[in-house]
Protein backbone atom coordinates (compact mmCIF):
# COMPACT_ATOMS: atom_id res chain seq x y z
CA MET A 1 98.55 86.84 150.92
CA ASN A 2 96.53 89.01 153.18
CA ARG A 3 93.42 90.12 151.40
CA ARG A 4 89.96 91.51 152.23
CA CYS A 5 87.23 90.95 149.70
CA GLY A 6 83.63 91.88 148.91
CA ILE A 7 81.40 92.95 146.09
CA ILE A 8 79.96 96.13 144.70
CA GLY A 9 76.29 95.73 143.78
CA ILE A 10 75.11 98.04 140.96
CA CYS A 11 71.48 98.94 140.11
CA THR A 12 71.07 101.17 137.03
CA GLU A 13 68.79 104.09 137.84
CA THR A 14 68.80 105.52 134.31
CA PRO A 15 69.63 103.78 130.98
CA LEU A 16 73.29 102.84 130.75
CA HIS A 17 75.57 102.81 127.78
CA ALA A 18 78.97 101.15 128.44
CA GLY A 19 80.07 101.05 124.82
CA THR A 20 82.41 98.99 122.74
CA GLY A 21 83.65 101.77 120.46
CA GLN A 22 82.60 99.85 117.28
CA ASN A 23 79.39 99.12 115.46
CA VAL A 24 77.60 95.79 115.19
CA GLY A 25 75.13 95.40 112.32
CA ALA A 26 72.44 98.05 112.37
CA ILE A 27 73.42 99.32 115.87
CA ASP A 28 76.13 101.93 115.62
CA LEU A 29 76.91 102.05 119.33
CA PRO A 30 76.30 98.63 121.03
CA VAL A 31 76.83 97.95 124.74
CA GLN A 32 79.70 95.83 126.05
CA ARG A 33 78.91 92.16 126.02
CA GLU A 34 80.74 88.98 127.19
CA ARG A 35 82.28 87.18 124.21
CA HIS A 36 81.22 83.69 125.25
CA THR A 37 77.71 84.41 126.60
CA GLY A 38 76.60 87.58 124.85
CA LEU A 39 75.35 89.01 128.21
CA PRO A 40 75.68 92.75 128.80
CA MET A 41 78.58 93.72 131.07
CA ILE A 42 80.65 96.66 132.28
CA VAL A 43 84.42 96.16 132.06
CA GLY A 44 86.21 96.45 135.42
CA SER A 45 88.43 99.31 134.25
CA SER A 46 85.34 101.45 133.61
CA LEU A 47 84.15 100.94 137.15
CA LYS A 48 87.58 101.59 138.56
CA GLY A 49 88.01 104.72 136.48
CA CYS A 50 84.59 106.07 137.50
CA LEU A 51 85.27 105.46 141.18
CA ARG A 52 88.66 107.03 140.87
CA SER A 53 87.27 110.19 139.12
CA VAL A 54 85.21 111.08 142.20
CA ALA A 55 87.85 110.03 144.80
CA PRO A 56 90.27 112.52 146.38
CA ASP A 57 94.02 112.52 145.62
CA ASP A 58 94.88 110.71 148.84
CA THR A 59 93.40 107.50 147.51
CA ASP A 60 96.28 106.82 145.05
CA VAL A 61 97.36 103.85 147.24
CA VAL A 62 93.91 102.30 146.49
CA PHE A 63 93.80 102.97 142.72
CA GLY A 64 97.47 103.27 141.77
CA ALA A 65 99.76 106.09 140.69
CA ARG A 66 98.09 108.69 138.45
CA LEU A 67 99.03 109.19 134.90
CA GLY A 68 101.95 111.65 134.67
CA SER A 69 102.94 111.20 138.33
CA GLU A 70 106.60 110.83 139.22
CA LYS A 71 105.67 107.85 141.31
CA HIS A 72 105.01 104.38 139.82
CA PHE A 73 103.06 101.76 141.73
CA ALA A 74 100.02 99.57 141.20
CA GLY A 75 96.72 99.98 142.98
CA ALA A 76 95.94 97.82 145.99
CA VAL A 77 92.40 96.91 144.87
CA SER A 78 91.38 94.61 142.08
CA PHE A 79 88.01 94.97 140.29
CA THR A 80 86.41 92.24 138.19
CA ASP A 81 84.15 93.02 135.24
CA CYS A 82 80.60 93.92 136.34
CA ARG A 83 78.52 90.85 135.69
CA LEU A 84 74.85 90.69 134.92
CA LEU A 85 72.75 89.43 137.86
CA ALA A 86 69.13 90.21 136.83
CA LEU A 87 67.54 91.89 133.85
CA PRO A 88 64.25 93.82 133.98
CA VAL A 89 61.92 92.53 131.25
CA ARG A 90 58.54 93.91 130.33
CA SER A 91 55.56 91.71 130.96
CA LEU A 92 51.75 91.73 130.52
CA GLN A 93 51.29 90.36 134.05
CA ARG A 94 53.50 92.99 135.81
CA LEU A 95 54.94 96.31 134.79
CA PHE A 96 58.19 94.33 134.53
CA LEU A 97 59.88 91.28 136.04
CA TRP A 98 63.47 90.78 137.14
CA VAL A 99 64.68 87.76 135.20
CA THR A 100 67.74 85.62 135.88
CA CYS A 101 68.93 82.05 134.96
CA PRO A 102 70.82 79.08 136.40
CA GLN A 103 74.14 80.01 134.62
CA VAL A 104 74.13 83.45 136.12
CA LEU A 105 73.35 82.15 139.56
CA GLN A 106 75.99 79.41 139.44
CA ARG A 107 78.55 81.96 138.42
CA LEU A 108 77.53 84.14 141.39
CA GLN A 109 78.07 81.11 143.61
CA ARG A 110 81.60 80.60 142.24
CA ASP A 111 82.45 84.28 142.65
CA LEU A 112 81.25 84.30 146.23
CA HIS A 113 83.35 81.18 146.98
CA LEU A 114 86.30 82.92 145.32
CA ILE A 115 86.19 85.63 147.96
CA GLY A 116 85.58 83.33 150.85
CA ALA A 117 81.80 83.91 151.38
CA ASP A 118 80.57 80.53 152.63
CA VAL A 119 76.96 80.77 151.40
CA SER A 120 74.71 78.67 149.19
CA VAL A 121 73.03 80.47 146.28
CA PRO A 122 69.66 78.97 145.42
CA VAL A 123 69.79 77.79 141.76
CA PRO A 124 66.29 76.79 140.66
CA GLN A 125 66.22 74.79 137.42
CA PRO A 126 63.30 75.36 134.97
CA LYS A 127 62.23 72.07 133.38
CA SER A 128 62.10 73.37 129.81
CA ASP A 129 62.45 76.53 127.65
CA ASN A 130 58.73 77.17 127.91
CA THR A 131 58.74 77.12 131.72
CA LEU A 132 59.21 80.06 134.07
CA LEU A 133 59.86 79.60 137.78
CA ALA A 134 58.08 82.17 139.99
CA PRO A 135 57.87 82.59 143.76
CA GLN A 136 54.85 81.31 145.57
CA ALA A 137 52.32 83.97 146.53
CA GLY A 138 53.00 85.28 150.03
CA PRO A 139 51.42 87.81 152.44
CA LYS A 140 53.09 90.70 150.56
CA GLU A 141 51.93 89.44 147.19
CA LYS A 142 48.28 88.50 147.27
CA SER A 143 48.08 87.43 143.61
CA GLY A 144 51.08 85.36 142.54
CA LEU A 145 51.93 84.63 138.93
CA LYS A 146 49.65 81.88 137.56
CA GLY A 147 49.10 80.10 134.33
CA GLU A 148 51.13 81.80 131.64
CA VAL A 149 53.38 84.87 131.62
CA VAL A 150 54.30 86.99 128.64
CA LEU A 151 57.96 88.27 128.58
CA GLU A 152 58.65 90.46 125.60
CA ASP A 153 57.28 88.23 122.78
CA LEU A 154 57.55 84.92 124.66
CA ILE A 155 54.71 83.03 126.38
CA LEU A 156 55.99 80.84 129.25
CA LYS A 157 54.14 78.54 131.58
CA VAL A 158 54.46 79.37 135.27
CA GLN A 159 55.67 76.94 137.85
CA GLU A 160 55.84 78.10 141.46
CA SER A 161 58.99 77.48 143.57
CA LYS A 162 59.82 78.25 147.16
CA ASP A 163 63.48 78.59 146.16
CA VAL A 164 62.70 81.55 143.94
CA ALA A 165 61.33 83.55 146.84
CA ARG A 166 64.54 83.03 148.87
CA LEU A 167 66.61 83.68 145.79
CA ALA A 168 64.84 87.03 145.19
CA THR A 169 65.45 88.21 148.69
CA THR A 170 69.15 87.36 148.73
CA ILE A 171 70.22 88.62 145.31
CA ALA A 172 68.25 91.84 145.80
CA GLY A 173 70.00 92.31 149.07
CA LEU A 174 73.37 92.19 147.37
CA VAL A 175 72.40 95.15 145.16
CA LEU A 176 69.74 97.21 146.85
CA ASP A 177 70.18 99.28 150.04
CA ASN A 178 67.18 99.16 152.32
CA ALA A 179 67.58 102.90 153.14
CA THR A 180 66.94 104.02 149.52
CA HIS A 181 65.43 101.02 147.82
CA LYS A 182 62.95 99.62 150.44
CA THR A 183 60.07 99.46 147.99
CA HIS A 184 62.31 97.74 145.36
CA LEU A 185 63.37 95.18 147.93
CA GLU A 186 59.73 94.43 148.78
CA ARG A 187 58.76 94.26 145.12
CA ALA A 188 61.66 91.88 144.33
CA GLU A 189 60.10 89.08 146.36
CA GLY A 190 57.17 88.78 144.03
CA HIS A 191 58.71 90.05 140.82
CA THR A 192 61.85 87.94 140.35
CA VAL A 193 61.65 84.91 138.10
CA VAL A 194 64.02 82.27 136.72
CA VAL A 195 64.11 81.06 133.10
CA THR A 196 66.44 78.68 131.22
CA ASP A 197 69.89 79.86 130.16
CA ARG A 198 68.82 79.83 126.48
CA ILE A 199 65.70 82.00 127.11
CA PHE A 200 67.76 84.30 129.27
CA GLY A 201 70.35 84.72 126.51
CA TYR A 202 67.55 85.59 124.10
CA LEU A 203 66.07 88.23 126.45
CA ALA A 204 69.52 89.72 127.12
CA ARG A 205 70.16 90.02 123.42
CA PHE A 206 66.80 91.52 122.42
CA GLY A 207 65.51 93.02 125.68
CA THR A 208 67.81 96.03 125.70
CA GLN A 209 66.73 99.52 124.53
CA VAL A 210 67.81 100.85 121.12
CA VAL A 211 67.32 104.60 120.63
CA ALA A 212 67.84 106.73 117.54
CA ARG A 213 69.74 109.93 117.82
CA ASN A 214 70.23 112.58 115.19
CA GLN A 215 72.42 115.52 114.45
CA LEU A 216 70.56 118.32 112.56
CA THR A 217 71.94 120.99 110.27
CA PRO A 218 70.96 124.63 110.68
CA GLN A 219 68.34 123.97 108.03
CA LYS A 220 66.91 121.20 110.27
CA THR A 221 67.87 118.39 107.96
CA SER A 222 69.55 115.19 109.12
CA ASN A 223 73.33 115.36 109.21
CA ASN A 224 74.05 112.20 111.13
CA LEU A 225 71.57 109.56 112.21
CA TRP A 226 72.83 106.81 114.58
CA TYR A 227 71.41 104.10 116.85
CA THR A 228 72.56 103.51 120.40
CA GLU A 229 71.98 100.44 122.53
CA LEU A 230 71.22 100.96 126.21
CA VAL A 231 70.92 98.68 129.25
CA PRO A 232 67.56 99.50 130.84
CA PRO A 233 66.98 101.04 134.21
CA ASP A 234 66.64 98.62 137.18
CA THR A 235 69.27 96.18 135.77
CA TRP A 236 71.37 94.46 138.44
CA PHE A 237 75.14 93.98 138.11
CA TYR A 238 77.86 93.08 140.59
CA SER A 239 81.68 93.36 140.66
CA VAL A 240 84.02 91.41 142.90
CA VAL A 241 86.55 93.60 144.68
CA MET A 242 89.75 92.24 146.30
CA ALA A 243 91.90 94.53 148.45
CA GLY A 244 95.48 93.79 149.37
CA ALA A 245 98.18 95.74 151.24
CA GLY A 246 99.32 99.03 149.64
CA HIS A 247 102.35 99.06 147.34
CA THR A 248 103.81 102.33 148.70
CA GLU A 249 105.86 103.37 151.65
CA GLU A 250 102.60 104.00 153.55
CA ASP A 251 101.73 101.40 156.11
CA MET A 252 98.29 100.45 154.82
CA ASP A 253 97.10 96.86 155.26
CA ALA A 254 94.30 95.12 153.37
CA ASP A 255 91.61 96.09 155.90
CA THR A 256 92.59 99.76 155.72
CA VAL A 257 92.62 99.69 151.93
CA PHE A 258 89.19 98.01 151.82
CA ASP A 259 87.73 100.56 154.27
CA THR A 260 89.30 103.48 152.38
CA LEU A 261 87.65 102.29 149.15
CA ARG A 262 84.28 101.78 150.89
CA LYS A 263 84.43 105.29 152.29
CA HIS A 264 84.67 106.70 148.82
CA VAL A 265 82.11 104.46 147.09
CA ARG A 266 79.27 106.98 146.72
CA PRO A 267 75.55 105.94 146.79
CA TYR A 268 75.26 107.09 143.18
CA LEU A 269 77.81 107.08 140.39
CA GLN A 270 77.67 107.85 136.69
CA ILE A 271 79.14 105.08 134.52
CA GLY A 272 79.58 104.86 130.78
CA GLY A 273 78.80 107.40 128.12
CA GLY A 274 76.00 109.89 127.63
CA GLU A 275 76.41 111.76 130.95
CA THR A 276 75.08 114.98 129.48
CA VAL A 277 71.84 113.29 128.41
CA GLY A 278 71.34 111.61 131.82
CA LEU A 279 72.64 108.17 130.94
CA GLY A 280 74.52 105.86 133.33
CA TRP A 281 73.44 106.88 136.72
CA CYS A 282 73.73 103.86 139.02
CA ALA A 283 73.08 103.13 142.73
CA LEU A 284 76.07 101.37 144.35
CA ARG A 285 76.20 99.17 147.38
CA MET A 286 79.51 97.79 148.70
CA LEU A 287 79.49 94.69 150.99
CA SER A 288 82.28 92.83 152.76
CA THR A 289 82.41 89.04 152.81
CA ASP A 290 80.91 88.94 156.34
CA GLU A 291 78.05 91.23 155.23
CA ILE A 292 77.27 88.99 152.26
CA VAL A 293 76.95 86.10 154.60
CA LYS A 294 74.48 88.04 156.74
CA VAL A 295 72.42 88.90 153.62
CA PHE A 296 72.09 85.23 152.82
CA GLU A 297 71.29 84.33 156.44
CA SER A 298 68.48 86.90 156.60
CA GLY A 299 67.16 85.62 153.27
CA THR A 300 67.05 82.08 154.59
CA GLU A 301 65.23 83.18 157.74
CA GLY A 302 62.64 85.06 155.69
CA ALA A 303 61.88 82.17 153.31
């Protein structure tokens, strides 16, 4: 079947709440998480719905017939769930570090192979749970991470790795646009680290924000206190997109469908709940398979 594929990289600019609609323990409004890993995620239908809400009516062939329409046909683009790529974690050595792990990187490799991107994702392997792999200090980072690093309440020993520097450049390039995130791209080279899957799972579980919100009565007494979990700003996600031919009488092939979607992917999009209190604003970057390969080639050259 004729398809054209790519990814949409997502960087949260404000805290994001893609909720589950049910409470978990002390948190009344938790974020969406994968069942088997516990990692934060954004379901693909949420991303599709947000993109459709800002797209004009002539994009029905891309997203499918609208509810209540006399026509009935499926959309020509498939969106996977938005998967976590790197989580910002507070640190004593830096304001924060972007943290990822082998399992996340291996899954990125599989997803890129799924869409035909013939690239090799660096997958550094920390030796133990108390080890953190950091990039070697380069010309842009005069003082690299040395000795021990504190992430949240964890103390990890630093081991330098050339692979981490190349990894940082490539995964940041999938999410961040040089035009608007140049300083973030430069910072990523010295601020991206790799921990074990177990430590990453711990940080993803306890490294999110939990905020208390309250509804007051006219007498200024508490009427309803609740706790909301938020994914922090500067978190990186990605979603795989696969475009096929349109399912309508219009003659629209996969390339046209893909280009039509790209044209309506705005640089910034609000995702999830809490729009009126500034939550969920994200920067988006859509890349085709060929462009993904270029990102990895440039990252290899720069290593």
